[in-house]
Amino acid sequence: MLDALTAQIREKVGHDTGLGAVVKFVVDGAGVIAVDATQVPNIVSNADPEAACTVKLSADTMKSILAGETNAMMAFMMGKIKVEGNMGLAANIVKIL
């Protein structure tokens, strides 16, 4: 499951998200997906680096957001997504979801 989610994030990130920081998604029960946007092309991996912003969510929530079935901001407001770190950066993460 983590491999499929990582591949979807990698596809959405493309060459450069323009975020200019490291963002980490902690997927409950599955693992970590990290987006290193400090370099171009951006690197998407399952490493667990220090990150400017960490997003915690369930695998089901991530799948639903990536499929376009759930709005990321609504999921955040409903408590399905927890964010630690740079909240300004978190608002821009929607670009890669």
PDB file of N, CA and C in Angstrom:
ATOM      1  N   MET A   1       0.811  -1.188   0.000  1.00  0.00           N
ATOM      2  CA  MET A   1       0.000   0.000   0.000  1.00  0.00           C
ATOM      3  C   MET A   1       0.862   1.262   0.000  1.00  0.00           C
ATOM      4  N   LEU A   2       1.917   1.294   0.826  1.00  0.00           N
ATOM      5  CA  LEU A   2       2.773   2.474   0.889  1.00  0.00           C
ATOM      6  C   LEU A   2       3.422   2.758  -0.460  1.00  0.00           C
ATOM      7  N   ASP A   3       3.816   1.690  -1.165  1.00  0.00           N
ATOM      8  CA  ASP A   3       4.437   1.871  -2.482  1.00  0.00           C
ATOM      9  C   ASP A   3       3.483   2.556  -3.451  1.00  0.00           C
ATOM     10  N   ALA A   4       2.220   2.154  -3.434  1.00  0.00           N
ATOM     11  CA  ALA A   4       1.229   2.752  -4.342  1.00  0.00           C
ATOM     12  C   ALA A   4       0.996   4.223  -3.994  1.00  0.00           C
ATOM     13  N   LEU A   5       0.883   4.535  -2.697  1.00  0.00           N
ATOM     14  CA  LEU A   5       0.695   5.933  -2.286  1.00  0.00           C
ATOM     15  C   LEU A   5       1.916   6.774  -2.637  1.00  0.00           C
ATOM     16  N   THR A   6       3.099   6.215  -2.437  1.00  0.00           N
ATOM     17  CA  THR A   6       4.340   6.920  -2.773  1.00  0.00           C
ATOM     18  C   THR A   6       4.390   7.213  -4.266  1.00  0.00           C
ATOM     19  N   ALA A   7       4.012   6.246  -5.085  1.00  0.00           N
ATOM     20  CA  ALA A   7       4.009   6.437  -6.538  1.00  0.00           C
ATOM     21  C   ALA A   7       3.038   7.541  -6.939  1.00  0.00           C
ATOM     22  N   GLN A   8       1.869   7.593  -6.291  1.00  0.00           N
ATOM     23  CA  GLN A   8       0.895   8.635  -6.605  1.00  0.00           C
ATOM     24  C   GLN A   8       1.425  10.014  -6.222  1.00  0.00           C
ATOM     25  N   ILE A   9       2.052  10.119  -5.059  1.00  0.00           N
ATOM     26  CA  ILE A   9       2.636  11.397  -4.634  1.00  0.00           C
ATOM     27  C   ILE A   9       3.752  11.794  -5.593  1.00  0.00           C
ATOM     28  N   ARG A  10       4.605  10.841  -5.975  1.00  0.00           N
ATOM     29  CA  ARG A  10       5.706  11.116  -6.906  1.00  0.00           C
ATOM     30  C   ARG A  10       5.165  11.668  -8.221  1.00  0.00           C
ATOM     31  N   GLU A  11       4.080  11.082  -8.709  1.00  0.00           N
ATOM     32  CA  GLU A  11       3.475  11.540  -9.960  1.00  0.00           C
ATOM     33  C   GLU A  11       2.935  12.964  -9.818  1.00  0.00           C
ATOM     34  N   LYS A  12       2.278  13.258  -8.694  1.00  0.00           N
ATOM     35  CA  LYS A  12       1.711  14.587  -8.476  1.00  0.00           C
ATOM     36  C   LYS A  12       2.787  15.644  -8.263  1.00  0.00           C
ATOM     37  N   VAL A  13       3.886  15.257  -7.616  1.00  0.00           N
ATOM     38  CA  VAL A  13       4.978  16.201  -7.357  1.00  0.00           C
ATOM     39  C   VAL A  13       5.635  16.623  -8.659  1.00  0.00           C
ATOM     40  N   GLY A  14       5.847  15.659  -9.548  1.00  0.00           N
ATOM     41  CA  GLY A  14       6.499  15.978 -10.815  1.00  0.00           C
ATOM     42  C   GLY A  14       7.933  16.423 -10.606  1.00  0.00           C
ATOM     43  N   HIS A  15       8.359  17.410 -11.360  1.00  0.00           N
ATOM     44  CA  HIS A  15       9.748  17.880 -11.326  1.00  0.00           C
ATOM     45  C   HIS A  15      10.007  18.818 -10.143  1.00  0.00           C
ATOM     46  N   ASP A  16       9.066  19.734  -9.889  1.00  0.00           N
ATOM     47  CA  ASP A  16       9.291  20.735  -8.846  1.00  0.00           C
ATOM     48  C   ASP A  16       7.967  21.270  -8.320  1.00  0.00           C
ATOM     49  N   THR A  17       7.731  21.096  -7.020  1.00  0.00           N
ATOM     50  CA  THR A  17       6.505  21.588  -6.397  1.00  0.00           C
ATOM     51  C   THR A  17       6.577  23.078  -6.095  1.00  0.00           C
ATOM     52  N   GLY A  18       7.793  23.604  -6.016  1.00  0.00           N
ATOM     53  CA  GLY A  18       7.969  24.996  -5.635  1.00  0.00           C
ATOM     54  C   GLY A  18       7.873  25.222  -4.136  1.00  0.00           C
ATOM     55  N   LEU A  19       7.775  24.140  -3.353  1.00  0.00           N
ATOM     56  CA  LEU A  19       7.642  24.286  -1.901  1.00  0.00           C
ATOM     57  C   LEU A  19       8.947  24.738  -1.248  1.00  0.00           C
ATOM     58  N   GLY A  20      10.083  24.282  -1.763  1.00  0.00           N
ATOM     59  CA  GLY A  20      11.378  24.689  -1.231  1.00  0.00           C
ATOM     60  C   GLY A  20      11.685  24.184   0.168  1.00  0.00           C
ATOM     61  N   ALA A  21      11.056  23.101   0.580  1.00  0.00           N
ATOM     62  CA  ALA A  21      11.261  22.558   1.924  1.00  0.00           C
ATOM     63  C   ALA A  21      11.023  21.048   1.908  1.00  0.00           C
ATOM     64  N   VAL A  22      11.339  20.411   3.034  1.00  0.00           N
ATOM     65  CA  VAL A  22      11.069  18.984   3.182  1.00  0.00           C
ATOM     66  C   VAL A  22       9.732  18.832   3.894  1.00  0.00           C
ATOM     67  N   VAL A  23       8.855  18.041   3.284  1.00  0.00           N
ATOM     68  CA  VAL A  23       7.527  17.760   3.836  1.00  0.00           C
ATOM     69  C   VAL A  23       7.426  16.253   4.023  1.00  0.00           C
ATOM     70  N   LYS A  24       6.835  15.861   5.134  1.00  0.00           N
ATOM     71  CA  LYS A  24       6.745  14.429   5.432  1.00  0.00           C
ATOM     72  C   LYS A  24       5.291  14.068   5.717  1.00  0.00           C
ATOM     73  N   PHE A  25       4.838  12.983   5.102  1.00  0.00           N
ATOM     74  CA  PHE A  25       3.514  12.430   5.372  1.00  0.00           C
ATOM     75  C   PHE A  25       3.713  11.158   6.189  1.00  0.00           C
ATOM     76  N   VAL A  26       3.122  11.114   7.381  1.00  0.00           N
ATOM     77  CA  VAL A  26       3.176   9.924   8.208  1.00  0.00           C
ATOM     78  C   VAL A  26       1.819   9.244   8.069  1.00  0.00           C
ATOM     79  N   VAL A  27       1.822   8.102   7.388  1.00  0.00           N
ATOM     80  CA  VAL A  27       0.585   7.387   7.089  1.00  0.00           C
ATOM     81  C   VAL A  27       0.420   6.284   8.134  1.00  0.00           C
ATOM     82  N   ASP A  28      -0.620   6.416   8.970  1.00  0.00           N
ATOM     83  CA  ASP A  28      -0.859   5.466  10.059  1.00  0.00           C
ATOM     84  C   ASP A  28      -0.796   4.025   9.580  1.00  0.00           C
ATOM     85  N   GLY A  29       0.035   3.230  10.224  1.00  0.00           N
ATOM     86  CA  GLY A  29       0.113   1.808   9.933  1.00  0.00           C
ATOM     87  C   GLY A  29       0.816   1.445   8.642  1.00  0.00           C
ATOM     88  N   ALA A  30       1.253   2.453   7.866  1.00  0.00           N
ATOM     89  CA  ALA A  30       1.886   2.153   6.581  1.00  0.00           C
ATOM     90  C   ALA A  30       3.343   2.618   6.532  1.00  0.00           C
ATOM     91  N   GLY A  31       3.617   3.809   7.030  1.00  0.00           N
ATOM     92  CA  GLY A  31       4.984   4.319   6.992  1.00  0.00           C
ATOM     93  C   GLY A  31       5.028   5.794   6.648  1.00  0.00           C
ATOM     94  N   VAL A  32       6.152   6.204   6.072  1.00  0.00           N
ATOM     95  CA  VAL A  32       6.428   7.615   5.798  1.00  0.00           C
ATOM     96  C   VAL A  32       6.631   7.841   4.311  1.00  0.00           C
ATOM     97  N   ILE A  33       6.090   8.953   3.826  1.00  0.00           N
ATOM     98  CA  ILE A  33       6.370   9.418   2.467  1.00  0.00           C
ATOM     99  C   ILE A  33       6.955  10.816   2.628  1.00  0.00           C
ATOM    100  N   ALA A  34       8.192  11.003   2.177  1.00  0.00           N
ATOM    101  CA  ALA A  34       8.863  12.290   2.307  1.00  0.00           C
ATOM    102  C   ALA A  34       9.023  12.930   0.937  1.00  0.00           C
ATOM    103  N   VAL A  35       8.789  14.245   0.884  1.00  0.00           N
ATOM    104  CA  VAL A  35       8.998  15.017  -0.333  1.00  0.00           C
ATOM    105  C   VAL A  35      10.085  16.042  -0.023  1.00  0.00           C
ATOM    106  N   ASP A  36      11.252  15.857  -0.647  1.00  0.00           N
ATOM    107  CA  ASP A  36      12.355  16.798  -0.469  1.00  0.00           C
ATOM    108  C   ASP A  36      12.322  17.779  -1.625  1.00  0.00           C
ATOM    109  N   ALA A  37      11.731  18.940  -1.352  1.00  0.00           N
ATOM    110  CA  ALA A  37      11.594  19.967  -2.383  1.00  0.00           C
ATOM    111  C   ALA A  37      12.669  21.041  -2.235  1.00  0.00           C
ATOM    112  N   THR A  38      13.762  20.705  -1.519  1.00  0.00           N
ATOM    113  CA  THR A  38      14.867  21.646  -1.388  1.00  0.00           C
ATOM    114  C   THR A  38      15.802  21.546  -2.585  1.00  0.00           C
ATOM    115  N   GLN A  39      15.583  20.543  -3.412  1.00  0.00           N
ATOM    116  CA  GLN A  39      16.393  20.367  -4.611  1.00  0.00           C
ATOM    117  C   GLN A  39      15.486  20.067  -5.789  1.00  0.00           C
ATOM    118  N   VAL A  40      15.973  20.380  -6.978  1.00  0.00           N
ATOM    119  CA  VAL A  40      15.203  20.140  -8.188  1.00  0.00           C
ATOM    120  C   VAL A  40      16.006  19.188  -9.054  1.00  0.00           C
ATOM    121  N   PRO A  41      15.441  18.058  -9.500  1.00  0.00           N
ATOM    122  CA  PRO A  41      14.046  17.660  -9.274  1.00  0.00           C
ATOM    123  C   PRO A  41      13.808  17.253  -7.814  1.00  0.00           C
ATOM    124  N   ASN A  42      12.574  17.455  -7.366  1.00  0.00           N
ATOM    125  CA  ASN A  42      12.188  17.065  -6.015  1.00  0.00           C
ATOM    126  C   ASN A  42      12.323  15.556  -5.879  1.00  0.00           C
ATOM    127  N   ILE A  43      12.640  15.106  -4.664  1.00  0.00           N
ATOM    128  CA  ILE A  43      12.806  13.681  -4.414  1.00  0.00           C
ATOM    129  C   ILE A  43      11.689  13.195  -3.505  1.00  0.00           C
ATOM    130  N   VAL A  44      11.003  12.143  -3.933  1.00  0.00           N
ATOM    131  CA  VAL A  44       9.951  11.522  -3.135  1.00  0.00           C
ATOM    132  C   VAL A  44      10.469  10.150  -2.720  1.00  0.00           C
ATOM    133  N   SER A  45      10.461   9.887  -1.407  1.00  0.00           N
ATOM    134  CA  SER A  45      10.991   8.616  -0.918  1.00  0.00           C
ATOM    135  C   SER A  45      10.229   8.176   0.319  1.00  0.00           C
ATOM    136  N   ASN A  46      10.639   7.025   0.843  1.00  0.00           N
ATOM    137  CA  ASN A  46      10.048   6.525   2.083  1.00  0.00           C
ATOM    138  C   ASN A  46      11.024   6.685   3.246  1.00  0.00           C
ATOM    139  N   ALA A  47      11.976   7.608   3.081  1.00  0.00           N
ATOM    140  CA  ALA A  47      12.913   7.933   4.159  1.00  0.00           C
ATOM    141  C   ALA A  47      12.138   8.686   5.246  1.00  0.00           C
ATOM    142  N   ASP A  48      12.757   8.859   6.395  1.00  0.00           N
ATOM    143  CA  ASP A  48      12.120   9.561   7.508  1.00  0.00           C
ATOM    144  C   ASP A  48      13.011  10.732   7.946  1.00  0.00           C
ATOM    145  N   PRO A  49      13.090  11.777   7.110  1.00  0.00           N
ATOM    146  CA  PRO A  49      13.995  12.896   7.400  1.00  0.00           C
ATOM    147  C   PRO A  49      13.384  13.895   8.379  1.00  0.00           C
ATOM    148  N   GLU A  50      14.229  14.820   8.848  1.00  0.00           N
ATOM    149  CA  GLU A  50      13.705  15.980   9.558  1.00  0.00           C
ATOM    150  C   GLU A  50      12.912  16.760   8.520  1.00  0.00           C
ATOM    151  N   ALA A  51      11.768  17.293   8.914  1.00  0.00           N
ATOM    152  CA  ALA A  51      10.918  17.987   7.951  1.00  0.00           C
ATOM    153  C   ALA A  51      10.434  19.320   8.517  1.00  0.00           C
ATOM    154  N   ALA A  52      10.252  20.288   7.639  1.00  0.00           N
ATOM    155  CA  ALA A  52       9.709  21.581   8.050  1.00  0.00           C
ATOM    156  C   ALA A  52       8.238  21.447   8.420  1.00  0.00           C
ATOM    157  N   CYS A  53       7.586  20.455   7.818  1.00  0.00           N
ATOM    158  CA  CYS A  53       6.161  20.229   8.061  1.00  0.00           C
ATOM    159  C   CYS A  53       5.884  18.723   7.998  1.00  0.00           C
ATOM    160  N   THR A  54       5.181  18.230   9.016  1.00  0.00           N
ATOM    161  CA  THR A  54       4.800  16.815   9.058  1.00  0.00           C
ATOM    162  C   THR A  54       3.288  16.709   9.073  1.00  0.00           C
ATOM    163  N   VAL A  55       2.766  15.912   8.153  1.00  0.00           N
ATOM    164  CA  VAL A  55       1.323  15.706   8.024  1.00  0.00           C
ATOM    165  C   VAL A  55       1.030  14.269   8.430  1.00  0.00           C
ATOM    166  N   LYS A  56       0.139  14.087   9.399  1.00  0.00           N
ATOM    167  CA  LYS A  56      -0.232  12.748   9.867  1.00  0.00           C
ATOM    168  C   LYS A  56      -1.671  12.464   9.456  1.00  0.00           C
ATOM    169  N   LEU A  57      -1.866  11.295   8.842  1.00  0.00           N
ATOM    170  CA  LEU A  57      -3.194  10.914   8.387  1.00  0.00           C
ATOM    171  C   LEU A  57      -3.265   9.410   8.185  1.00  0.00           C
ATOM    172  N   SER A  58      -4.477   8.900   8.036  1.00  0.00           N
ATOM    173  CA  SER A  58      -4.650   7.470   7.795  1.00  0.00           C
ATOM    174  C   SER A  58      -4.449   7.170   6.311  1.00  0.00           C
ATOM    175  N   ALA A  59      -4.186   5.912   6.018  1.00  0.00           N
ATOM    176  CA  ALA A  59      -4.030   5.490   4.626  1.00  0.00           C
ATOM    177  C   ALA A  59      -5.327   5.719   3.858  1.00  0.00           C
ATOM    178  N   ASP A  60      -6.472   5.451   4.497  1.00  0.00           N
ATOM    179  CA  ASP A  60      -7.764   5.653   3.825  1.00  0.00           C
ATOM    180  C   ASP A  60      -7.992   7.118   3.479  1.00  0.00           C
ATOM    181  N   THR A  61      -7.632   8.008   4.405  1.00  0.00           N
ATOM    182  CA  THR A  61      -7.791   9.438   4.141  1.00  0.00           C
ATOM    183  C   THR A  61      -6.883   9.870   3.001  1.00  0.00           C
ATOM    184  N   MET A  62      -5.641   9.402   3.002  1.00  0.00           N
ATOM    185  CA  MET A  62      -4.717   9.771   1.931  1.00  0.00           C
ATOM    186  C   MET A  62      -5.212   9.256   0.588  1.00  0.00           C
ATOM    187  N   LYS A  63      -5.674   8.011   0.550  1.00  0.00           N
ATOM    188  CA  LYS A  63      -6.199   7.447  -0.705  1.00  0.00           C
ATOM    189  C   LYS A  63      -7.373   8.267  -1.211  1.00  0.00           C
ATOM    190  N   SER A  64      -8.257   8.649  -0.315  1.00  0.00           N
ATOM    191  CA  SER A  64      -9.440   9.415  -0.684  1.00  0.00           C
ATOM    192  C   SER A  64      -9.067  10.799  -1.221  1.00  0.00           C
ATOM    193  N   ILE A  65      -8.080  11.435  -0.595  1.00  0.00           N
ATOM    194  CA  ILE A  65      -7.634  12.749  -1.061  1.00  0.00           C
ATOM    195  C   ILE A  65      -6.972  12.627  -2.430  1.00  0.00           C
ATOM    196  N   LEU A  66      -6.087  11.655  -2.586  1.00  0.00           N
ATOM    197  CA  LEU A  66      -5.392  11.473  -3.868  1.00  0.00           C
ATOM    198  C   LEU A  66      -6.352  11.107  -4.993  1.00  0.00           C
ATOM    199  N   ALA A  67      -7.449  10.428  -4.656  1.00  0.00           N
ATOM    200  CA  ALA A  67      -8.444  10.051  -5.664  1.00  0.00           C
ATOM    201  C   ALA A  67      -9.390  11.210  -5.987  1.00  0.00           C
ATOM    202  N   GLY A  68      -9.262  12.309  -5.240  1.00  0.00           N
ATOM    203  CA  GLY A  68     -10.137  13.457  -5.481  1.00  0.00           C
ATOM    204  C   GLY A  68     -11.499  13.323  -4.832  1.00  0.00           C
ATOM    205  N   GLU A  69     -11.658  12.339  -3.965  1.00  0.00           N
ATOM    206  CA  GLU A  69     -12.952  12.114  -3.306  1.00  0.00           C
ATOM    207  C   GLU A  69     -13.121  12.971  -2.058  1.00  0.00           C
ATOM    208  N   THR A  70     -11.998  13.394  -1.464  1.00  0.00           N
ATOM    209  CA  THR A  70     -12.021  14.188  -0.241  1.00  0.00           C
ATOM    210  C   THR A  70     -11.155  15.425  -0.430  1.00  0.00           C
ATOM    211  N   ASN A  71     -11.642  16.563   0.027  1.00  0.00           N
ATOM    212  CA  ASN A  71     -10.893  17.804  -0.011  1.00  0.00           C
ATOM    213  C   ASN A  71      -9.935  17.821   1.184  1.00  0.00           C
ATOM    214  N   ALA A  72      -8.644  18.082   0.934  1.00  0.00           N
ATOM    215  CA  ALA A  72      -7.636  18.046   1.994  1.00  0.00           C
ATOM    216  C   ALA A  72      -7.932  19.058   3.098  1.00  0.00           C
ATOM    217  N   MET A  73      -8.380  20.256   2.741  1.00  0.00           N
ATOM    218  CA  MET A  73      -8.678  21.276   3.753  1.00  0.00           C
ATOM    219  C   MET A  73      -9.860  20.850   4.625  1.00  0.00           C
ATOM    220  N   MET A  74     -10.853  20.234   4.009  1.00  0.00           N
ATOM    221  CA  MET A  74     -12.004  19.757   4.784  1.00  0.00           C
ATOM    222  C   MET A  74     -11.577  18.622   5.722  1.00  0.00           C
ATOM    223  N   ALA A  75     -10.720  17.740   5.237  1.00  0.00           N
ATOM    224  CA  ALA A  75     -10.230  16.644   6.068  1.00  0.00           C
ATOM    225  C   ALA A  75      -9.459  17.201   7.266  1.00  0.00           C
ATOM    226  N   PHE A  76      -8.680  18.269   7.046  1.00  0.00           N
ATOM    227  CA  PHE A  76      -7.949  18.913   8.129  1.00  0.00           C
ATOM    228  C   PHE A  76      -8.924  19.493   9.157  1.00  0.00           C
ATOM    229  N   MET A  77      -9.933  20.192   8.670  1.00  0.00           N
ATOM    230  CA  MET A  77     -10.916  20.811   9.570  1.00  0.00           C
ATOM    231  C   MET A  77     -11.718  19.772  10.350  1.00  0.00           C
ATOM    232  N   MET A  78     -11.886  18.597   9.770  1.00  0.00           N
ATOM    233  CA  MET A  78     -12.633  17.524  10.430  1.00  0.00           C
ATOM    234  C   MET A  78     -11.741  16.697  11.358  1.00  0.00           C
ATOM    235  N   GLY A  79     -10.455  17.036  11.426  1.00  0.00           N
ATOM    236  CA  GLY A  79      -9.544  16.330  12.317  1.00  0.00           C
ATOM    237  C   GLY A  79      -8.969  15.049  11.754  1.00  0.00           C
ATOM    238  N   LYS A  80      -9.175  14.806  10.462  1.00  0.00           N
ATOM    239  CA  LYS A  80      -8.644  13.584   9.849  1.00  0.00           C
ATOM    240  C   LYS A  80      -7.177  13.741   9.470  1.00  0.00           C
ATOM    241  N   ILE A  81      -6.702  14.987   9.474  1.00  0.00           N
ATOM    242  CA  ILE A  81      -5.306  15.290   9.174  1.00  0.00           C
ATOM    243  C   ILE A  81      -4.760  16.131  10.319  1.00  0.00           C
ATOM    244  N   LYS A  82      -3.599  15.747  10.824  1.00  0.00           N
ATOM    245  CA  LYS A  82      -2.900  16.510  11.860  1.00  0.00           C
ATOM    246  C   LYS A  82      -1.634  17.075  11.237  1.00  0.00           C
ATOM    247  N   VAL A  83      -1.324  18.333  11.554  1.00  0.00           N
ATOM    248  CA  VAL A  83      -0.149  18.981  10.995  1.00  0.00           C
ATOM    249  C   VAL A  83       0.751  19.465  12.118  1.00  0.00           C
ATOM    250  N   GLU A  84       2.048  19.185  11.969  1.00  0.00           N
ATOM    251  CA  GLU A  84       3.050  19.674  12.914  1.00  0.00           C
ATOM    252  C   GLU A  84       4.078  20.473  12.129  1.00  0.00           C
ATOM    253  N   GLY A  85       4.525  21.571  12.706  1.00  0.00           N
ATOM    254  CA  GLY A  85       5.557  22.369  12.048  1.00  0.00           C
ATOM    255  C   GLY A  85       4.979  23.586  11.368  1.00  0.00           C
ATOM    256  N   ASN A  86       5.551  23.937  10.245  1.00  0.00           N
ATOM    257  CA  ASN A  86       5.242  25.159   9.514  1.00  0.00           C
ATOM    258  C   ASN A  86       3.831  25.125   8.915  1.00  0.00           C
ATOM    259  N   MET A  87       2.915  25.850   9.541  1.00  0.00           N
ATOM    260  CA  MET A  87       1.520  25.854   9.073  1.00  0.00           C
ATOM    261  C   MET A  87       1.366  26.577   7.726  1.00  0.00           C
ATOM    262  N   GLY A  88       2.192  27.579   7.470  1.00  0.00           N
ATOM    263  CA  GLY A  88       2.156  28.263   6.181  1.00  0.00           C
ATOM    264  C   GLY A  88       2.510  27.311   5.055  1.00  0.00           C
ATOM    265  N   LEU A  89       3.492  26.473   5.308  1.00  0.00           N
ATOM    266  CA  LEU A  89       3.893  25.465   4.337  1.00  0.00           C
ATOM    267  C   LEU A  89       2.788  24.430   4.165  1.00  0.00           C
ATOM    268  N   ALA A  90       2.132  24.093   5.263  1.00  0.00           N
ATOM    269  CA  ALA A  90       1.048  23.106   5.216  1.00  0.00           C
ATOM    270  C   ALA A  90      -0.048  23.543   4.259  1.00  0.00           C
ATOM    271  N   ALA A  91      -0.338  24.832   4.223  1.00  0.00           N
ATOM    272  CA  ALA A  91      -1.380  25.335   3.318  1.00  0.00           C
ATOM    273  C   ALA A  91      -1.003  25.117   1.858  1.00  0.00           C
ATOM    274  N   ASN A  92       0.297  25.097   1.564  1.00  0.00           N
ATOM    275  CA  ASN A  92       0.745  24.900   0.188  1.00  0.00           C
ATOM    276  C   ASN A  92       0.874  23.433  -0.210  1.00  0.00           C
ATOM    277  N   ILE A  93       0.785  22.549   0.773  1.00  0.00           N
ATOM    278  CA  ILE A  93       0.899  21.110   0.492  1.00  0.00           C
ATOM    279  C   ILE A  93      -0.249  20.616  -0.376  1.00  0.00           C
ATOM    280  N   VAL A  94      -1.336  21.346  -0.367  1.00  0.00           N
ATOM    281  CA  VAL A  94      -2.497  20.964  -1.190  1.00  0.00           C
ATOM    282  C   VAL A  94      -2.075  20.775  -2.647  1.00  0.00           C
ATOM    283  N   LYS A  95      -1.034  21.475  -3.074  1.00  0.00           N
ATOM    284  CA  LYS A  95      -0.533  21.348  -4.454  1.00  0.00           C
ATOM    285  C   LYS A  95      -0.141  19.912  -4.791  1.00  0.00           C
ATOM    286  N   ILE A  96       0.358  19.176  -3.785  1.00  0.00           N
ATOM    287  CA  ILE A  96       0.836  17.829  -4.090  1.00  0.00           C
ATOM    288  C   ILE A  96      -0.141  16.755  -3.652  1.00  0.00           C
ATOM    289  N   LEU A  97      -1.296  17.160  -3.174  1.00  0.00           N
ATOM    290  CA  LEU A  97      -2.334  16.203  -2.829  1.00  0.00           C
ATOM    291  C   LEU A  97      -3.430  16.325  -3.855  1.00  0.00           C
TER     292      LEU A  97
END
